[in-house]
Amino acid sequence: MAQKRKKRNNRGVPLWCMPCLLTAGALLAADRLGGAALSSALSQLAGNAAFVQAALASEIGALGWQSVSAHEPGAVSIAEVVDAQPLPEALTGADAPYDTDAESALVYESLFVPPANVQQAAESADTPTQTADGAPIKPLTITGESGGYPGQDGVYIQNASGLSYDLAAMLADPVKIQKNDSASEPTVLILHTHASEAYVDQAGARSDDPAHNVVHIGDVLTEVLEAAGIGVVHCRTIIDAPSYNQSYNRAMDIIEQQLEQTPSIRMVIDLHRDSMITSSGTEYKVVSEIDGQTCAQLMFVMGTNAGGLSHPNWKQNLNFAVNLQKSLLADYPTLMRPINLRKQRFNEQATTGSMILECGTSANTMQEAERAIRAFGGVLARELS
């Protein structure tokens, strides 16, 4: 059961947010009265990433936003975003809840922030492009070699959990997961808590069409693993539509039911795509290169029990991810971003091999994501064998 926090942030709304809130409020109120001109104005604002982010940042007290509409391809109106976002009372930037099994996942799933020197290098890149919504894109490669990430043997961790771990001991004594002898006994469960996450070709980087969102990337990973003789169950349900809230609760229900039906499953991959959007509306795409072709970077998001929820096997999960990352980097030196270790558990208590895998960002292309996941699947298949 989700735990809602009751303490409120008393800082109030920052002054820089007031113009956005006043504008949004006035237009929303006027829209209730109808009018083509007002509808047109709302539509234009919906395409302004900086406006939307600022408005929602002031509304919920945190940078970043996620739509909770049905995610049909096309622009998401500011009215839909504000009206359809039933956030818990205490969701503020200063007093963030740690339970992302429930509504708090809306804002606090991805907290990865590139170091200042890395962002500065990206801003100086001379290959500007735009998203389908007209937002500028900057390419970015994050390996962890710079930026102050702690690490060893090329494996770096951004520790946002506040907990300690022994990276050297993990690398010296890897946790191993082996595939089942028969492909008819599935070893891997793939699902998508936020299945509507899409890429740059889709307006708003959202779609409820499995051919155009991260579900397709799961299809590709399934294909690679099955070709290697590894049994896979791929849940293609659009878990986060029509409501984004409670996505993690619904995902956990699916995981528990599938583990009961298929006890042979040994690892669970919750496959997402990330998002990096600055307050000015610039979007970052994370890139690597395979055989001379640009591909997306990947990132493990690993949960812990620091938020107060039971997760007794988080160190084993981290161990597996650390050593898998080492193997991936041996073949593809820039494919993986630093591991993101978090307070939340993200349903990863289900099995020792559970993980969130972020495949690119909303500014990457589907093709870049496909190349990355094929490389990942090949190395994972080898490790499980």
Protein backbone atom coordinates (compact mmCIF):
# COMPACT_ATOMS: atom_id res chain seq x y z
CA MET A 1 0.00 0.00 0.00
CA ALA A 2 1.35 3.41 -0.92
CA GLN A 3 2.33 5.65 1.93
CA LYS A 4 1.25 9.28 1.53
CA ARG A 5 3.20 11.89 3.40
CA LYS A 6 1.29 14.67 5.12
CA LYS A 7 3.96 17.29 5.62
CA ARG A 8 3.66 20.24 3.25
CA ASN A 9 6.34 22.53 1.88
CA ASN A 10 5.80 26.04 3.19
CA ARG A 11 8.02 27.88 0.76
CA GLY A 12 5.11 28.93 -1.47
CA VAL A 13 5.18 29.40 -5.22
CA PRO A 14 8.44 30.91 -6.59
CA LEU A 15 7.97 34.35 -8.16
CA TRP A 16 9.33 33.15 -11.49
CA CYS A 17 6.44 30.69 -11.74
CA MET A 18 3.66 33.24 -11.28
CA PRO A 19 3.40 34.42 -14.91
CA CYS A 20 3.00 30.83 -16.09
CA LEU A 21 0.37 30.03 -13.48
CA LEU A 22 -1.58 33.21 -14.12
CA THR A 23 -1.48 32.72 -17.88
CA ALA A 24 -2.50 29.06 -17.62
CA GLY A 25 -5.29 29.86 -15.17
CA ALA A 26 -6.70 32.65 -17.29
CA LEU A 27 -6.66 30.61 -20.46
CA LEU A 28 -8.13 27.56 -18.79
CA ALA A 29 -10.96 29.60 -17.33
CA ALA A 30 -11.63 31.28 -20.67
CA ASP A 31 -11.51 27.95 -22.47
CA ARG A 32 -14.48 26.79 -20.41
CA LEU A 33 -16.44 29.52 -22.19
CA GLY A 34 -15.42 28.23 -25.66
CA GLY A 35 -13.95 30.04 -28.63
CA ALA A 36 -11.72 29.00 -31.52
CA ALA A 37 -9.13 31.67 -30.83
CA LEU A 38 -8.72 30.54 -27.23
CA SER A 39 -8.43 26.90 -28.29
CA SER A 40 -5.72 27.94 -30.74
CA ALA A 41 -3.86 29.80 -27.99
CA LEU A 42 -4.01 26.77 -25.71
CA SER A 43 -2.71 24.55 -28.50
CA GLN A 44 0.26 26.84 -29.09
CA LEU A 45 1.12 26.90 -25.40
CA ALA A 46 0.91 23.10 -25.28
CA GLY A 47 3.74 22.97 -27.80
CA ASN A 48 5.92 25.28 -25.74
CA ALA A 49 8.00 22.89 -23.60
CA ALA A 50 9.44 25.69 -21.45
CA PHE A 51 5.96 27.01 -20.61
CA VAL A 52 4.56 23.59 -19.78
CA GLN A 53 7.53 22.65 -17.62
CA ALA A 54 7.51 25.95 -15.76
CA ALA A 55 3.77 25.83 -15.17
CA LEU A 56 3.87 22.31 -13.80
CA ALA A 57 7.02 22.96 -11.81
CA SER A 58 5.17 25.69 -9.96
CA GLU A 59 2.09 23.50 -9.59
CA ILE A 60 3.87 20.53 -8.02
CA GLY A 61 7.06 22.10 -6.69
CA ALA A 62 9.47 20.10 -8.83
CA LEU A 63 11.15 20.43 -12.20
CA GLY A 64 9.99 18.15 -14.95
CA TRP A 65 6.58 16.88 -16.02
CA GLN A 66 4.86 13.86 -17.40
CA SER A 67 1.53 13.79 -19.20
CA VAL A 68 -1.22 11.68 -17.68
CA SER A 69 -3.52 11.80 -20.70
CA ALA A 70 -4.31 8.73 -22.80
CA HIS A 71 -1.07 9.46 -24.69
CA GLU A 72 -2.55 9.35 -28.14
CA PRO A 73 -0.04 10.60 -30.73
CA GLY A 74 -0.40 14.34 -30.98
CA ALA A 75 -0.04 17.41 -28.83
CA VAL A 76 -1.08 17.22 -25.17
CA SER A 77 -2.96 20.37 -24.19
CA ILE A 78 -2.08 22.32 -21.08
CA ALA A 79 -5.68 21.80 -19.97
CA GLU A 80 -5.31 18.03 -20.12
CA VAL A 81 -2.03 18.09 -18.22
CA VAL A 82 -3.20 20.33 -15.38
CA ASP A 83 -6.73 18.94 -15.04
CA ALA A 84 -5.75 15.28 -15.23
CA GLN A 85 -2.89 15.37 -12.74
CA PRO A 86 -4.29 14.23 -9.35
CA LEU A 87 -1.06 14.41 -7.38
CA PRO A 88 -0.79 13.41 -3.72
CA GLU A 89 -1.06 16.33 -1.32
CA ALA A 90 2.53 16.32 -0.14
CA LEU A 91 4.33 15.99 -3.48
CA THR A 92 6.79 18.88 -3.33
CA GLY A 93 10.38 19.41 -4.34
CA ALA A 94 11.63 19.81 -0.78
CA ASP A 95 9.67 16.94 0.74
CA ALA A 96 9.76 14.25 -1.95
CA PRO A 97 8.05 10.98 -1.08
CA TYR A 98 10.10 7.84 -1.48
CA ASP A 99 7.34 5.43 -2.45
CA THR A 100 7.29 5.21 -6.24
CA ASP A 101 4.99 2.22 -6.15
CA ALA A 102 2.21 4.80 -6.37
CA GLU A 103 1.44 8.34 -7.52
CA SER A 104 4.83 9.74 -6.62
CA ALA A 105 6.32 7.93 -9.63
CA LEU A 106 4.70 10.66 -11.70
CA VAL A 107 7.52 13.11 -11.12
CA TYR A 108 10.27 11.37 -9.23
CA GLU A 109 11.21 8.40 -11.36
CA SER A 110 14.15 9.88 -13.24
CA LEU A 111 16.35 12.21 -11.21
CA PHE A 112 19.51 11.84 -13.27
CA VAL A 113 21.23 15.21 -13.74
CA PRO A 114 24.42 15.46 -15.81
CA PRO A 115 27.26 17.26 -14.00
CA ALA A 116 27.68 20.95 -14.85
CA ASN A 117 30.82 20.38 -16.92
CA VAL A 118 29.07 17.69 -18.97
CA GLN A 119 26.07 19.92 -19.60
CA GLN A 120 28.36 22.76 -20.62
CA ALA A 121 30.10 20.54 -23.16
CA ALA A 122 26.75 19.51 -24.59
CA GLU A 123 25.62 23.11 -24.92
CA SER A 124 28.65 23.82 -27.09
CA ALA A 125 27.85 20.99 -29.52
CA ASP A 126 27.44 22.23 -33.09
CA THR A 127 24.83 19.74 -34.31
CA PRO A 128 21.50 21.37 -33.40
CA THR A 129 18.32 19.49 -34.31
CA GLN A 130 14.70 19.72 -33.18
CA THR A 131 12.04 17.45 -31.76
CA ALA A 132 8.69 16.93 -33.48
CA ASP A 133 7.40 19.72 -31.24
CA GLY A 134 10.17 22.14 -32.28
CA ALA A 135 12.32 21.88 -29.14
CA PRO A 136 16.08 22.05 -29.70
CA ILE A 137 18.08 18.85 -29.13
CA LYS A 138 21.64 18.54 -27.86
CA PRO A 139 23.58 15.25 -28.13
CA LEU A 140 25.25 14.07 -24.94
CA THR A 141 27.46 11.11 -24.03
CA ILE A 142 27.74 10.34 -20.31
CA THR A 143 30.24 7.67 -19.33
CA GLY A 144 31.10 8.65 -15.75
CA GLU A 145 34.79 9.21 -16.48
CA SER A 146 34.28 12.89 -15.67
CA GLY A 147 31.82 14.53 -13.35
CA GLY A 148 32.91 13.12 -10.01
CA TYR A 149 31.11 9.76 -10.14
CA PRO A 150 32.63 7.15 -7.80
CA GLY A 151 33.56 3.97 -9.61
CA GLN A 152 35.97 1.14 -10.34
CA ASP A 153 36.94 -0.81 -13.44
CA GLY A 154 34.96 1.60 -15.60
CA VAL A 155 31.71 1.10 -13.65
CA TYR A 156 30.40 4.33 -12.15
CA ILE A 157 27.46 4.89 -9.82
CA GLN A 158 25.42 8.01 -9.13
CA ASN A 159 24.34 7.29 -5.57
CA ALA A 160 21.12 9.14 -4.74
CA SER A 161 20.11 6.61 -2.08
CA GLY A 162 22.24 7.80 0.84
CA LEU A 163 23.22 4.15 1.48
CA SER A 164 26.67 2.61 1.34
CA TYR A 165 27.86 -0.34 -0.73
CA ASP A 166 31.15 -2.09 -1.48
CA LEU A 167 31.74 -1.82 -5.21
CA ALA A 168 35.08 -3.61 -5.09
CA ALA A 169 33.53 -6.57 -3.28
CA MET A 170 30.72 -6.75 -5.84
CA LEU A 171 33.16 -6.79 -8.74
CA ALA A 172 35.25 -9.46 -7.02
CA ASP A 173 32.29 -11.73 -6.24
CA PRO A 174 29.62 -11.34 -8.96
CA VAL A 175 26.02 -12.48 -8.49
CA LYS A 176 25.25 -14.85 -11.37
CA ILE A 177 21.89 -15.61 -12.95
CA GLN A 178 21.68 -18.51 -15.38
CA LYS A 179 19.08 -19.15 -18.03
CA ASN A 180 16.81 -22.15 -17.73
CA ASP A 181 17.82 -25.24 -19.70
CA SER A 182 14.77 -25.04 -21.96
CA ALA A 183 13.45 -21.96 -23.74
CA SER A 184 9.97 -23.28 -22.96
CA GLU A 185 10.70 -22.35 -19.34
CA PRO A 186 11.00 -18.54 -19.49
CA THR A 187 13.96 -16.99 -17.69
CA VAL A 188 13.20 -13.30 -18.28
CA LEU A 189 10.08 -11.17 -17.79
CA ILE A 190 10.04 -7.88 -19.72
CA LEU A 191 7.40 -5.26 -19.00
CA HIS A 192 6.96 -1.52 -19.24
CA THR A 193 5.55 0.38 -16.27
CA HIS A 194 5.46 3.46 -18.51
CA ALA A 195 4.78 1.78 -21.83
CA SER A 196 3.54 4.95 -23.53
CA GLU A 197 7.04 6.42 -23.43
CA ALA A 198 8.07 7.01 -27.04
CA TYR A 199 10.82 8.72 -28.99
CA VAL A 200 11.45 11.87 -30.97
CA ASP A 201 9.30 10.86 -33.95
CA GLN A 202 6.14 11.04 -31.81
CA ALA A 203 4.63 14.37 -30.80
CA GLY A 204 5.20 14.80 -27.09
CA ALA A 205 7.34 11.62 -27.19
CA ARG A 206 4.24 9.68 -26.15
CA SER A 207 2.16 7.05 -27.91
CA ASP A 208 -0.22 4.28 -26.92
CA ASP A 209 0.66 2.40 -30.13
CA PRO A 210 3.10 -0.45 -29.28
CA ALA A 211 4.70 -0.04 -32.72
CA HIS A 212 5.75 3.52 -31.82
CA ASN A 213 6.68 3.39 -28.13
CA VAL A 214 9.05 1.57 -25.81
CA VAL A 215 7.03 -1.65 -26.15
CA HIS A 216 8.62 -2.04 -29.60
CA ILE A 217 12.05 -1.89 -27.95
CA GLY A 218 10.87 -4.71 -25.68
CA ASP A 219 9.87 -6.67 -28.77
CA VAL A 220 13.40 -6.27 -30.15
CA LEU A 221 14.99 -7.37 -26.85
CA THR A 222 12.65 -10.38 -26.75
CA GLU A 223 13.71 -11.32 -30.28
CA VAL A 224 17.42 -11.14 -29.41
CA LEU A 225 17.08 -13.21 -26.22
CA GLU A 226 14.85 -15.85 -27.81
CA ALA A 227 17.29 -16.21 -30.71
CA ALA A 228 19.89 -17.10 -28.08
CA GLY A 229 17.66 -19.81 -26.61
CA ILE A 230 16.45 -17.78 -23.64
CA GLY A 231 12.74 -17.99 -22.85
CA VAL A 232 11.02 -14.62 -22.44
CA VAL A 233 7.61 -13.42 -21.30
CA HIS A 234 6.99 -9.95 -22.73
CA CYS A 235 4.10 -8.00 -21.23
CA ARG A 236 2.99 -5.54 -23.94
CA THR A 237 0.24 -3.94 -21.84
CA ILE A 238 0.14 -0.13 -21.90
CA ILE A 239 0.20 0.02 -18.11
CA ASP A 240 0.28 3.82 -17.80
CA ALA A 241 -2.75 4.56 -19.99
CA PRO A 242 -5.31 5.93 -19.62
CA SER A 243 -3.98 6.92 -16.17
CA TYR A 244 -0.32 7.48 -15.34
CA ASN A 245 -0.95 7.42 -11.58
CA GLN A 246 -0.70 4.03 -9.89
CA SER A 247 1.37 2.66 -12.79
CA TYR A 248 3.80 0.98 -10.42
CA ASN A 249 1.00 -0.62 -8.43
CA ARG A 250 -0.49 -2.05 -11.63
CA ALA A 251 2.94 -3.21 -12.78
CA MET A 252 3.54 -5.00 -9.48
CA ASP A 253 0.21 -6.80 -9.83
CA ILE A 254 1.31 -8.00 -13.27
CA ILE A 255 4.72 -9.10 -11.97
CA GLU A 256 3.23 -11.05 -9.06
CA GLN A 257 0.66 -12.77 -11.27
CA GLN A 258 3.28 -13.69 -13.85
CA LEU A 259 5.72 -15.04 -11.26
CA GLU A 260 2.93 -17.19 -9.88
CA GLN A 261 2.03 -18.48 -13.33
CA THR A 262 5.66 -18.82 -14.46
CA PRO A 263 7.87 -19.66 -11.48
CA SER A 264 10.81 -20.30 -13.80
CA ILE A 265 11.32 -16.52 -14.26
CA ARG A 266 14.62 -15.43 -12.72
CA MET A 267 14.89 -11.77 -13.68
CA VAL A 268 12.52 -8.89 -14.41
CA ILE A 269 13.43 -6.05 -16.78
CA ASP A 270 11.24 -2.96 -16.53
CA LEU A 271 12.14 -1.27 -19.82
CA HIS A 272 11.69 2.51 -20.07
CA ARG A 273 13.09 5.47 -21.93
CA ASP A 274 14.42 8.45 -19.99
CA SER A 275 13.88 12.18 -20.45
CA MET A 276 16.25 15.12 -20.03
CA ILE A 277 14.59 18.50 -20.58
CA THR A 278 16.08 21.77 -19.34
CA SER A 279 14.00 24.61 -17.96
CA SER A 280 14.53 26.44 -21.26
CA GLY A 281 13.00 23.55 -23.21
CA THR A 282 16.21 22.08 -24.63
CA GLU A 283 16.15 18.27 -24.76
CA TYR A 284 19.21 16.04 -24.46
CA LYS A 285 19.66 12.86 -26.46
CA VAL A 286 22.18 10.40 -24.97
CA VAL A 287 24.33 8.82 -27.65
CA SER A 288 26.96 6.16 -28.18
CA GLU A 289 28.30 4.53 -31.35
CA ILE A 290 28.24 0.96 -32.60
CA ASP A 291 29.94 -0.02 -35.86
CA GLY A 292 30.03 3.59 -37.00
CA GLN A 293 26.32 4.16 -36.32
CA THR A 294 24.84 6.35 -33.61
CA CYS A 295 22.88 4.52 -30.95
CA ALA A 296 21.22 5.51 -27.69
CA GLN A 297 22.91 5.12 -24.33
CA LEU A 298 21.38 2.88 -21.68
CA MET A 299 21.14 3.27 -17.92
CA PHE A 300 20.29 0.98 -15.02
CA VAL A 301 18.08 2.52 -12.31
CA MET A 302 18.51 0.41 -9.21
CA GLY A 303 16.26 0.61 -6.17
CA THR A 304 17.01 0.23 -2.46
CA ASN A 305 15.16 0.12 0.86
CA ALA A 306 16.21 3.66 1.81
CA GLY A 307 12.64 4.88 1.42
CA GLY A 308 11.42 2.59 4.18
CA LEU A 309 9.89 -0.13 2.00
CA SER A 310 11.07 -3.74 2.27
CA HIS A 311 13.73 -4.59 -0.30
CA PRO A 312 16.06 -7.15 1.32
CA ASN A 313 17.84 -8.14 -1.91
CA TRP A 314 18.80 -4.68 -3.21
CA LYS A 315 22.54 -5.29 -2.81
CA GLN A 316 22.31 -8.54 -4.79
CA ASN A 317 20.38 -6.70 -7.50
CA LEU A 318 23.00 -3.96 -7.58
CA ASN A 319 25.76 -6.56 -7.71
CA PHE A 320 24.18 -8.18 -10.77
CA ALA A 321 23.73 -4.81 -12.49
CA VAL A 322 27.30 -3.72 -11.68
CA ASN A 323 28.83 -6.83 -13.21
CA LEU A 324 26.49 -6.78 -16.20
CA GLN A 325 27.49 -3.17 -16.77
CA LYS A 326 31.17 -4.16 -16.65
CA SER A 327 30.56 -6.80 -19.34
CA LEU A 328 28.58 -4.36 -21.50
CA LEU A 329 31.33 -1.75 -21.31
CA ALA A 330 33.96 -4.31 -22.25
CA ASP A 331 32.19 -4.71 -25.60
CA TYR A 332 30.74 -1.20 -25.97
CA PRO A 333 32.81 1.33 -23.97
CA THR A 334 30.30 4.22 -24.14
CA LEU A 335 26.99 2.35 -24.25
CA MET A 336 26.17 2.66 -20.54
CA ARG A 337 25.54 5.75 -18.44
CA PRO A 338 26.48 5.60 -14.75
CA ILE A 339 24.18 3.38 -12.69
CA ASN A 340 21.50 5.45 -10.95
CA LEU A 341 21.07 4.14 -7.36
CA ARG A 342 17.91 5.43 -5.70
CA LYS A 343 15.91 5.51 -2.47
CA GLN A 344 12.83 4.04 -4.16
CA ARG A 345 12.54 0.31 -4.81
CA PHE A 346 10.70 0.45 -8.17
CA ASN A 347 9.16 -3.03 -7.73
CA GLU A 348 12.69 -4.49 -7.86
CA GLN A 349 12.07 -6.50 -4.70
CA ALA A 350 10.28 -9.07 -6.89
CA THR A 351 13.37 -11.05 -7.94
CA THR A 352 17.13 -10.87 -7.48
CA GLY A 353 17.54 -10.00 -11.15
CA SER A 354 15.09 -7.10 -11.24
CA MET A 355 16.10 -3.79 -12.78
CA ILE A 356 14.85 -0.70 -14.55
CA LEU A 357 16.57 -0.23 -17.90
CA GLU A 358 16.34 3.23 -19.48
CA CYS A 359 16.87 3.03 -23.26
CA GLY A 360 17.75 6.47 -24.55
CA THR A 361 15.72 9.61 -23.91
CA SER A 362 12.69 11.25 -25.50
CA ALA A 363 15.05 13.03 -27.91
CA ASN A 364 16.58 9.83 -29.30
CA THR A 365 15.20 8.12 -32.40
CA MET A 366 13.59 4.71 -32.40
CA GLN A 367 16.44 3.44 -34.59
CA GLU A 368 19.04 4.59 -32.06
CA ALA A 369 17.14 2.83 -29.30
CA GLU A 370 16.89 -0.37 -31.36
CA ARG A 371 20.66 -0.48 -31.98
CA ALA A 372 21.32 -0.02 -28.27
CA ILE A 373 18.90 -2.71 -27.10
CA ARG A 374 20.25 -5.25 -29.63
CA ALA A 375 23.75 -4.71 -28.23
CA PHE A 376 22.45 -5.02 -24.67
CA GLY A 377 20.48 -8.17 -25.47
CA GLY A 378 23.51 -9.87 -27.01
CA VAL A 379 25.64 -9.28 -23.91
CA LEU A 380 22.83 -10.23 -21.52
CA ALA A 381 22.24 -13.48 -23.41
CA ARG A 382 25.92 -14.31 -23.08
CA GLU A 383 25.93 -13.54 -19.35
CA LEU A 384 22.83 -15.65 -18.70
CA SER A 385 24.40 -18.53 -20.57
